[in-house]
Protein backbone atom coordinates (compact mmCIF):
# COMPACT_ATOMS: atom_id res chain seq x y z
CA MET A 1 11.09 11.12 3.92
CA SER A 2 14.32 11.84 5.78
CA ALA A 3 12.30 13.67 8.44
CA VAL A 4 10.01 10.66 8.85
CA ILE A 5 13.02 8.34 9.31
CA ASN A 6 14.70 10.66 11.80
CA ASP A 7 11.49 11.11 13.79
CA TYR A 8 11.01 7.35 13.96
CA LYS A 9 14.60 6.87 15.15
CA SER A 10 13.89 9.42 17.89
CA LEU A 11 10.78 7.58 19.00
CA LYS A 12 12.71 4.34 19.23
CA ALA A 13 15.48 6.03 21.16
CA VAL A 14 12.99 7.27 23.75
CA ASP A 15 11.09 3.98 24.06
CA PRO A 16 13.05 1.19 22.28
CA VAL A 17 10.92 -1.67 23.66
CA SER A 18 7.27 -0.81 23.79
CA HIS A 19 6.69 2.21 21.60
CA ARG A 20 3.92 1.88 19.01
CA ARG A 21 5.49 1.28 15.65
CA GLY A 22 4.00 3.50 12.99
CA VAL A 23 3.02 3.19 9.36
CA ALA A 24 4.33 5.59 6.72
CA VAL A 25 2.13 6.11 3.71
CA SER A 26 4.18 6.66 0.59
CA GLN A 27 1.86 8.52 -1.77
CA MET A 28 4.46 9.01 -4.47
CA SER A 29 3.96 8.12 -8.08
CA TYR A 30 6.67 9.40 -10.40
CA PRO A 31 7.66 8.81 -14.00
CA LEU A 32 11.08 7.18 -14.20
CA THR A 33 12.47 10.40 -15.72
CA THR A 34 11.87 12.35 -12.51
CA ASN A 35 15.04 13.94 -11.08
CA TRP A 36 16.29 12.35 -7.83
CA LEU A 37 14.19 9.24 -8.36
CA ALA A 38 17.03 6.88 -7.38
CA HIS A 39 17.57 8.89 -4.19
CA ILE A 40 13.84 8.83 -3.37
CA GLU A 41 13.64 5.06 -3.88
CA GLU A 42 16.68 4.53 -1.68
CA LEU A 43 15.06 6.60 1.06
CA THR A 44 11.97 4.38 0.68
CA ARG A 45 14.17 1.33 1.33
CA ASP A 46 15.74 3.07 4.33
CA MET A 47 12.21 3.53 5.74
CA TYR A 48 11.28 -0.15 5.78
CA ARG A 49 14.84 -1.15 6.86
CA GLU A 50 14.30 1.13 9.85
CA GLY A 51 11.00 -0.61 10.67
CA ILE A 52 8.49 1.64 8.88
CA LEU A 53 5.95 -0.10 6.63
CA VAL A 54 5.61 1.74 3.32
CA VAL A 55 2.31 1.66 1.41
CA GLY A 56 2.17 3.11 -2.11
CA PRO A 57 -0.19 3.33 -5.09
CA VAL A 58 0.40 1.25 -8.22
CA GLY A 59 -0.20 4.42 -10.25
CA ASP A 60 -2.90 5.96 -12.39
CA ASP A 61 -3.25 6.01 -16.15
CA VAL A 62 -5.98 8.34 -17.42
CA ASN A 63 -5.24 7.18 -20.95
CA PHE A 64 -6.17 3.53 -20.11
CA GLY A 65 -3.10 1.85 -21.38
CA ALA A 66 -0.27 4.34 -21.98
CA PHE A 67 1.68 3.18 -18.90
CA ASP A 68 2.62 -0.07 -17.25
CA CYS A 69 3.37 -0.45 -13.54
CA THR A 70 7.11 -0.82 -14.10
CA SER A 71 7.26 2.65 -15.66
CA LEU A 72 6.22 4.40 -12.43
CA SER A 73 7.50 4.52 -8.86
CA PRO A 74 6.73 3.06 -6.37
CA GLY A 75 4.87 0.61 -8.59
CA ARG A 76 8.06 -0.79 -9.98
CA MET A 77 9.26 -1.51 -6.42
CA TYR A 78 6.64 -4.29 -6.00
CA TYR A 79 9.37 -6.86 -5.35
CA GLU A 80 10.75 -4.95 -2.34
CA PRO A 81 10.02 -6.78 0.95
CA GLY A 82 8.78 -3.87 3.01
CA ILE A 83 6.52 -2.11 0.53
CA ILE A 84 2.81 -2.80 -0.25
CA ILE A 85 1.71 -1.71 -3.68
CA VAL A 86 -2.01 -1.00 -3.94
CA GLY A 87 -4.39 -0.94 -6.91
CA GLY A 88 -7.71 0.89 -7.02
CA SER A 89 -11.08 -0.85 -7.12
CA THR A 90 -14.63 0.35 -7.79
CA LYS A 91 -17.78 -0.16 -5.70
CA ASN A 92 -18.48 -3.18 -7.92
CA ASP A 93 -15.24 -4.87 -6.81
CA LYS A 94 -13.58 -4.39 -10.16
CA ARG A 95 -10.27 -2.74 -11.03
CA HIS A 96 -10.88 0.85 -12.02
CA PRO A 97 -9.70 1.53 -15.58
CA ASN A 98 -7.36 4.22 -14.28
CA SER A 99 -5.56 1.79 -11.99
CA ILE A 100 -2.58 0.39 -13.89
CA VAL A 101 -3.03 -3.32 -14.25
CA GLY A 102 0.41 -4.70 -15.06
CA GLY A 103 3.76 -4.32 -16.69
CA ARG A 104 6.05 -5.85 -19.22
CA GLY A 105 5.72 -9.60 -19.48
CA ALA A 106 3.61 -11.23 -16.79
CA VAL A 107 4.36 -8.62 -14.09
CA HIS A 108 1.46 -7.61 -11.85
CA CYS A 109 2.69 -4.92 -9.50
CA ALA A 110 -0.36 -4.52 -7.21
CA HIS A 111 -0.25 -6.80 -4.16
CA ILE A 112 -3.78 -5.88 -3.06
CA TYR A 113 -6.74 -3.77 -4.16
CA ALA A 114 -8.79 -1.26 -2.12
CA PRO A 115 -11.45 1.40 -2.82
CA GLY A 116 -10.01 4.03 -5.14
CA HIS A 117 -13.11 5.35 -6.94
CA GLU A 118 -15.79 7.71 -5.63
CA VAL A 119 -14.01 8.00 -2.29
CA ILE A 120 -15.26 10.80 -0.02
CA SER A 121 -12.30 12.80 1.25
CA SER A 122 -11.60 16.05 2.99
CA VAL A 123 -10.51 18.97 0.79
CA PRO A 124 -9.21 22.49 1.48
CA GLY A 125 -11.75 24.87 2.92
CA ASN A 126 -13.03 22.58 5.68
CA ASN A 127 -15.12 20.66 3.22
CA TYR A 128 -15.53 17.24 1.61
CA ALA A 129 -15.53 16.03 -1.96
CA VAL A 130 -15.99 12.83 -3.91
CA ILE A 131 -12.74 11.73 -5.53
CA GLN A 132 -13.49 10.10 -8.84
CA ALA A 133 -10.47 7.88 -9.28
CA ASN A 134 -7.03 7.81 -7.63
CA THR A 135 -4.93 4.86 -6.48
CA ALA A 136 -3.43 7.08 -3.71
CA TYR A 137 -6.75 6.84 -1.92
CA ALA A 138 -6.72 3.06 -2.29
CA ALA A 139 -3.24 3.08 -0.71
CA ALA A 140 -4.59 5.11 2.22
CA HIS A 141 -7.20 2.44 2.92
CA VAL A 142 -4.52 -0.21 3.10
CA ALA A 143 -2.30 1.99 5.24
CA GLY A 144 -5.18 2.34 7.69
CA ALA A 145 -5.60 -1.42 7.88
CA ALA A 146 -1.81 -1.82 8.40
CA ALA A 147 -1.83 0.83 11.13
CA ARG A 148 -4.69 -1.03 12.92
CA LEU A 149 -2.74 -4.27 12.78
CA ARG A 150 0.46 -2.70 14.06
CA THR A 151 -1.44 -0.98 16.89
CA ILE A 152 -2.71 -4.37 18.05
CA CYS A 153 0.61 -6.09 17.39
CA PRO A 154 3.32 -3.37 17.62
CA GLU A 155 6.16 -5.89 17.62
CA LEU A 156 5.44 -7.04 14.06
CA THR A 157 7.96 -6.21 11.39
CA PRO A 158 6.93 -4.42 8.15
CA PHE A 159 7.54 -7.66 6.26
CA TYR A 160 5.11 -9.69 8.42
CA VAL A 161 2.44 -6.95 8.32
CA LYS A 162 2.69 -6.99 4.57
CA ASP A 163 2.45 -10.78 4.46
CA SER A 164 -0.48 -10.82 6.90
CA LEU A 165 -2.58 -8.33 4.90
CA ILE A 166 -1.89 -9.96 1.55
CA THR A 167 -2.25 -13.59 2.58
CA GLY A 168 -5.35 -12.74 4.65
CA SER A 169 -6.99 -11.12 1.64
CA LEU A 170 -6.13 -14.08 -0.57
CA ALA A 171 -7.34 -16.68 1.95
CA HIS A 172 -10.47 -15.01 3.20
CA GLY A 173 -11.16 -12.05 0.92
CA VAL A 174 -12.96 -11.35 -2.31
CA PRO A 175 -11.21 -11.43 -5.70
CA CYS A 176 -10.78 -8.17 -7.51
CA LEU A 177 -12.04 -8.54 -11.06
CA ASP A 178 -10.52 -7.04 -14.13
CA LEU A 179 -12.55 -5.10 -16.69
CA ASP A 180 -13.43 -8.35 -18.50
CA ASP A 181 -14.58 -9.97 -15.23
CA SER A 182 -11.57 -12.23 -14.98
CA PRO A 183 -10.02 -12.46 -11.49
CA LEU A 184 -6.82 -10.52 -10.94
CA PRO A 185 -3.82 -12.06 -9.13
CA ALA A 186 -4.44 -9.81 -6.15
CA ASN A 187 -7.61 -9.77 -3.96
CA LEU A 188 -9.51 -6.94 -2.36
CA LEU A 189 -8.36 -5.68 1.03
CA ARG A 190 -9.95 -7.55 3.89
CA VAL A 191 -9.85 -6.03 7.36
CA PRO A 192 -10.56 -8.71 10.06
CA HIS A 193 -13.55 -7.97 12.30
CA ARG A 194 -12.55 -6.68 15.72
CA SER A 195 -14.01 -9.88 17.24
CA GLU A 196 -11.47 -11.96 15.35
CA PRO A 197 -8.29 -12.67 17.37
CA ALA A 198 -5.20 -11.03 15.93
CA GLU A 199 -2.24 -13.22 15.07
CA CYS A 200 0.68 -11.39 16.61
CA THR A 201 3.27 -14.15 16.53
CA GLN A 202 5.61 -13.75 13.60
CA PRO A 203 7.73 -16.50 12.13
CA ALA A 204 11.23 -16.89 13.54
CA ARG A 205 12.77 -16.29 10.12
CA ARG A 206 11.52 -12.69 10.21
């Protein structure tokens, strides 16, 4: 993470005005007992403070209920302004049972849902495999959408890219359904068609 931050600083030093601002994908998911967790989370904050958008998975629970999203990182960082937390959906537009749904009280850590089940991915040995269920792959989908938006609008801050993807999915996207078919607070990722004009003007408050 420090290397990513330092590399990004170098890019800005070379071209501080018009360089393409990148997207960092944070594929970390740690129990809160992990050593150095506080340091890792502070580095995550340093990334978005520097101008790097961080995208992370809400976390996976193979026991279908043993964890909540506030017991894993980066899921518990859902309130941070420069981080998008992603849940995993199935091909039927439902939350996958492995994708952690919420936390203590009324907390729902996932800002958005994306495909995280039966995803075809490259694997060692120059081959491909079908990944059965993993919210890290859902986060990769959202990171790709964020990278596309920032390529079109490189001046946007991480906070506005986050807002754009989330509000766009809520306004024009499809609800992600829970296992009982009730709509979740977060919708499925919606990537605007290339024919749609991009909104590259961010609010002055950002």
